[in-house]
Amino acid sequence: MDILSTHKPSAIYETFKLKETNRIWDRFEFVYAPRHGSWLNMQEIEFDVLMGQCLDRRIDSMKIMK
């Protein structure tokens, strides 16, 4: 979930009628990401490092991998 105002819980009440909102609301679990340095950013950096080191080629043996 990003930090856009359309993704706040109050936005659903502004869009739908109360009965429909309650039905939809029960289907979601809100998980808030930190504004800076989220785990997703760190994973993207890690994958970029791995791509540069080894994921762009085939590693034939466990000895080379270690």
N, C-alpha and C. Protein backbone atom coordinates (compact mmCIF):
# COMPACT_ATOMS: atom_id res chain seq x y z
N MET A 1 0.85 -1.17 0.00
CA MET A 1 0.00 0.00 0.00
C MET A 1 0.89 1.23 0.00
N ASP A 2 0.72 2.08 -0.95
CA ASP A 2 1.53 3.29 -0.98
C ASP A 2 0.86 4.40 -0.18
N ILE A 3 1.41 5.58 -0.24
CA ILE A 3 1.00 6.67 0.64
C ILE A 3 0.02 7.63 -0.05
N LEU A 4 -0.57 7.25 -1.16
CA LEU A 4 -1.51 8.11 -1.86
C LEU A 4 -2.78 8.30 -1.05
N SER A 5 -3.41 9.46 -1.17
CA SER A 5 -4.62 9.74 -0.41
C SER A 5 -5.79 8.85 -0.83
N THR A 6 -5.76 8.33 -2.05
CA THR A 6 -6.83 7.44 -2.49
C THR A 6 -6.76 6.08 -1.81
N HIS A 7 -5.65 5.79 -1.15
CA HIS A 7 -5.51 4.51 -0.49
C HIS A 7 -5.70 4.59 1.02
N LYS A 8 -6.34 5.64 1.46
CA LYS A 8 -6.67 5.76 2.87
C LYS A 8 -8.04 5.14 3.10
N PRO A 9 -8.27 4.59 4.27
CA PRO A 9 -9.57 3.95 4.54
C PRO A 9 -10.77 4.86 4.31
N SER A 10 -10.62 6.15 4.55
CA SER A 10 -11.75 7.06 4.37
C SER A 10 -12.18 7.20 2.91
N ALA A 11 -11.27 6.93 1.97
CA ALA A 11 -11.59 7.07 0.55
C ALA A 11 -12.67 6.09 0.12
N ILE A 12 -12.72 4.92 0.74
CA ILE A 12 -13.72 3.92 0.36
C ILE A 12 -15.12 4.37 0.80
N TYR A 13 -15.20 5.08 1.94
CA TYR A 13 -16.49 5.58 2.41
C TYR A 13 -17.00 6.71 1.52
N GLU A 14 -16.09 7.45 0.92
CA GLU A 14 -16.49 8.54 0.04
C GLU A 14 -16.97 8.03 -1.32
N THR A 15 -16.57 6.81 -1.68
CA THR A 15 -16.87 6.29 -3.01
C THR A 15 -18.13 5.44 -3.05
N PHE A 16 -18.35 4.62 -2.03
CA PHE A 16 -19.46 3.67 -2.04
C PHE A 16 -20.46 3.96 -0.93
N LYS A 17 -21.64 3.36 -1.07
CA LYS A 17 -22.66 3.46 -0.03
C LYS A 17 -22.22 2.63 1.18
N LEU A 18 -22.79 2.92 2.33
CA LEU A 18 -22.35 2.32 3.59
C LEU A 18 -22.40 0.79 3.56
N LYS A 19 -23.48 0.21 3.06
CA LYS A 19 -23.60 -1.25 3.04
C LYS A 19 -22.53 -1.88 2.15
N GLU A 20 -22.31 -1.30 0.98
CA GLU A 20 -21.29 -1.80 0.06
C GLU A 20 -19.90 -1.59 0.63
N THR A 21 -19.68 -0.47 1.30
CA THR A 21 -18.39 -0.18 1.91
C THR A 21 -18.05 -1.23 2.96
N ASN A 22 -19.01 -1.57 3.80
CA ASN A 22 -18.76 -2.57 4.84
C ASN A 22 -18.42 -3.92 4.23
N ARG A 23 -19.08 -4.29 3.14
CA ARG A 23 -18.80 -5.56 2.48
C ARG A 23 -17.38 -5.57 1.91
N ILE A 24 -17.00 -4.48 1.27
CA ILE A 24 -15.67 -4.38 0.68
C ILE A 24 -14.60 -4.30 1.76
N TRP A 25 -14.88 -3.52 2.80
CA TRP A 25 -13.91 -3.29 3.87
C TRP A 25 -13.44 -4.59 4.52
N ASP A 26 -14.35 -5.54 4.66
CA ASP A 26 -14.01 -6.82 5.29
C ASP A 26 -13.07 -7.67 4.44
N ARG A 27 -12.92 -7.35 3.18
CA ARG A 27 -12.06 -8.14 2.29
C ARG A 27 -10.60 -7.66 2.29
N PHE A 28 -10.32 -6.51 2.87
CA PHE A 28 -8.99 -5.93 2.81
C PHE A 28 -8.31 -5.94 4.17
N GLU A 29 -7.00 -6.03 4.11
CA GLU A 29 -6.16 -5.84 5.29
C GLU A 29 -5.17 -4.74 4.93
N PHE A 30 -5.21 -3.65 5.65
CA PHE A 30 -4.34 -2.53 5.35
C PHE A 30 -2.98 -2.75 6.00
N VAL A 31 -1.94 -2.70 5.17
CA VAL A 31 -0.57 -2.83 5.64
C VAL A 31 0.17 -1.59 5.14
N TYR A 32 0.66 -0.82 6.07
CA TYR A 32 1.29 0.44 5.71
C TYR A 32 2.80 0.27 5.55
N ALA A 33 3.34 0.81 4.48
CA ALA A 33 4.78 0.78 4.22
C ALA A 33 5.40 2.08 4.77
N PRO A 34 6.62 2.01 5.25
CA PRO A 34 7.28 3.23 5.70
C PRO A 34 7.52 4.18 4.52
N ARG A 35 7.59 5.45 4.81
CA ARG A 35 7.78 6.44 3.75
C ARG A 35 9.16 6.35 3.11
N HIS A 36 10.19 6.02 3.89
CA HIS A 36 11.55 5.97 3.36
C HIS A 36 12.20 4.64 3.74
N GLY A 37 12.95 4.08 2.82
CA GLY A 37 13.73 2.88 3.12
C GLY A 37 12.89 1.65 3.36
N SER A 38 11.83 1.48 2.60
CA SER A 38 11.00 0.30 2.81
C SER A 38 11.75 -0.96 2.42
N TRP A 39 11.26 -2.11 2.87
CA TRP A 39 11.90 -3.39 2.59
C TRP A 39 11.91 -3.67 1.09
N LEU A 40 10.91 -3.16 0.36
CA LEU A 40 10.86 -3.40 -1.08
C LEU A 40 12.02 -2.70 -1.78
N ASN A 41 12.33 -1.49 -1.36
CA ASN A 41 13.48 -0.79 -1.95
C ASN A 41 14.77 -1.54 -1.69
N MET A 42 14.91 -2.07 -0.47
CA MET A 42 16.12 -2.82 -0.13
C MET A 42 16.21 -4.10 -0.97
N GLN A 43 15.08 -4.76 -1.23
CA GLN A 43 15.09 -5.97 -2.05
C GLN A 43 15.46 -5.65 -3.50
N GLU A 44 14.96 -4.56 -4.01
CA GLU A 44 15.31 -4.17 -5.38
C GLU A 44 16.80 -3.91 -5.51
N ILE A 45 17.39 -3.28 -4.51
CA ILE A 45 18.83 -3.04 -4.52
C ILE A 45 19.60 -4.36 -4.47
N GLU A 46 19.14 -5.28 -3.62
CA GLU A 46 19.80 -6.59 -3.49
C GLU A 46 19.74 -7.36 -4.81
N PHE A 47 18.58 -7.37 -5.46
CA PHE A 47 18.46 -8.07 -6.74
C PHE A 47 19.36 -7.45 -7.80
N ASP A 48 19.49 -6.14 -7.78
CA ASP A 48 20.37 -5.47 -8.73
C ASP A 48 21.82 -5.90 -8.52
N VAL A 49 22.23 -6.01 -7.26
CA VAL A 49 23.59 -6.48 -6.95
C VAL A 49 23.78 -7.91 -7.43
N LEU A 50 22.79 -8.76 -7.15
CA LEU A 50 22.89 -10.16 -7.58
C LEU A 50 22.95 -10.29 -9.10
N MET A 51 22.18 -9.48 -9.80
CA MET A 51 22.20 -9.52 -11.26
C MET A 51 23.60 -9.19 -11.78
N GLY A 52 24.23 -8.23 -11.14
CA GLY A 52 25.57 -7.85 -11.57
C GLY A 52 26.63 -8.88 -11.22
N GLN A 53 26.41 -9.63 -10.16
CA GLN A 53 27.42 -10.59 -9.70
C GLN A 53 27.26 -11.98 -10.30
N CYS A 54 26.01 -12.47 -10.39
CA CYS A 54 25.91 -13.88 -10.79
C CYS A 54 24.64 -14.29 -11.52
N LEU A 55 23.57 -13.56 -11.44
CA LEU A 55 22.33 -14.04 -12.04
C LEU A 55 22.26 -13.87 -13.55
N ASP A 56 23.24 -13.20 -14.13
CA ASP A 56 23.23 -13.01 -15.58
C ASP A 56 24.01 -14.10 -16.31
N ARG A 57 24.42 -15.14 -15.59
CA ARG A 57 25.17 -16.24 -16.21
C ARG A 57 24.84 -17.54 -15.49
N ARG A 58 25.22 -18.64 -16.09
CA ARG A 58 25.02 -19.95 -15.47
C ARG A 58 26.22 -20.29 -14.60
N ILE A 59 25.95 -20.73 -13.38
CA ILE A 59 27.01 -21.15 -12.48
C ILE A 59 26.99 -22.67 -12.47
N ASP A 60 28.07 -23.27 -12.97
CA ASP A 60 28.09 -24.71 -13.23
C ASP A 60 28.32 -25.58 -12.00
N SER A 61 28.99 -25.07 -11.00
CA SER A 61 29.32 -25.95 -9.89
C SER A 61 29.12 -25.23 -8.55
N MET A 62 28.93 -26.04 -7.52
CA MET A 62 28.77 -25.50 -6.18
C MET A 62 30.06 -24.86 -5.69
N LYS A 63 31.21 -25.36 -6.16
CA LYS A 63 32.51 -24.81 -5.78
C LYS A 63 32.61 -23.35 -6.22
N ILE A 64 32.20 -23.06 -7.44
CA ILE A 64 32.23 -21.68 -7.93
C ILE A 64 31.25 -20.82 -7.14
N MET A 65 30.09 -21.39 -6.82
CA MET A 65 29.07 -20.66 -6.07
C MET A 65 29.59 -20.26 -4.69
N LYS A 66 30.28 -21.19 -4.02
CA LYS A 66 30.81 -20.89 -2.69
C LYS A 66 31.90 -19.86 -2.77
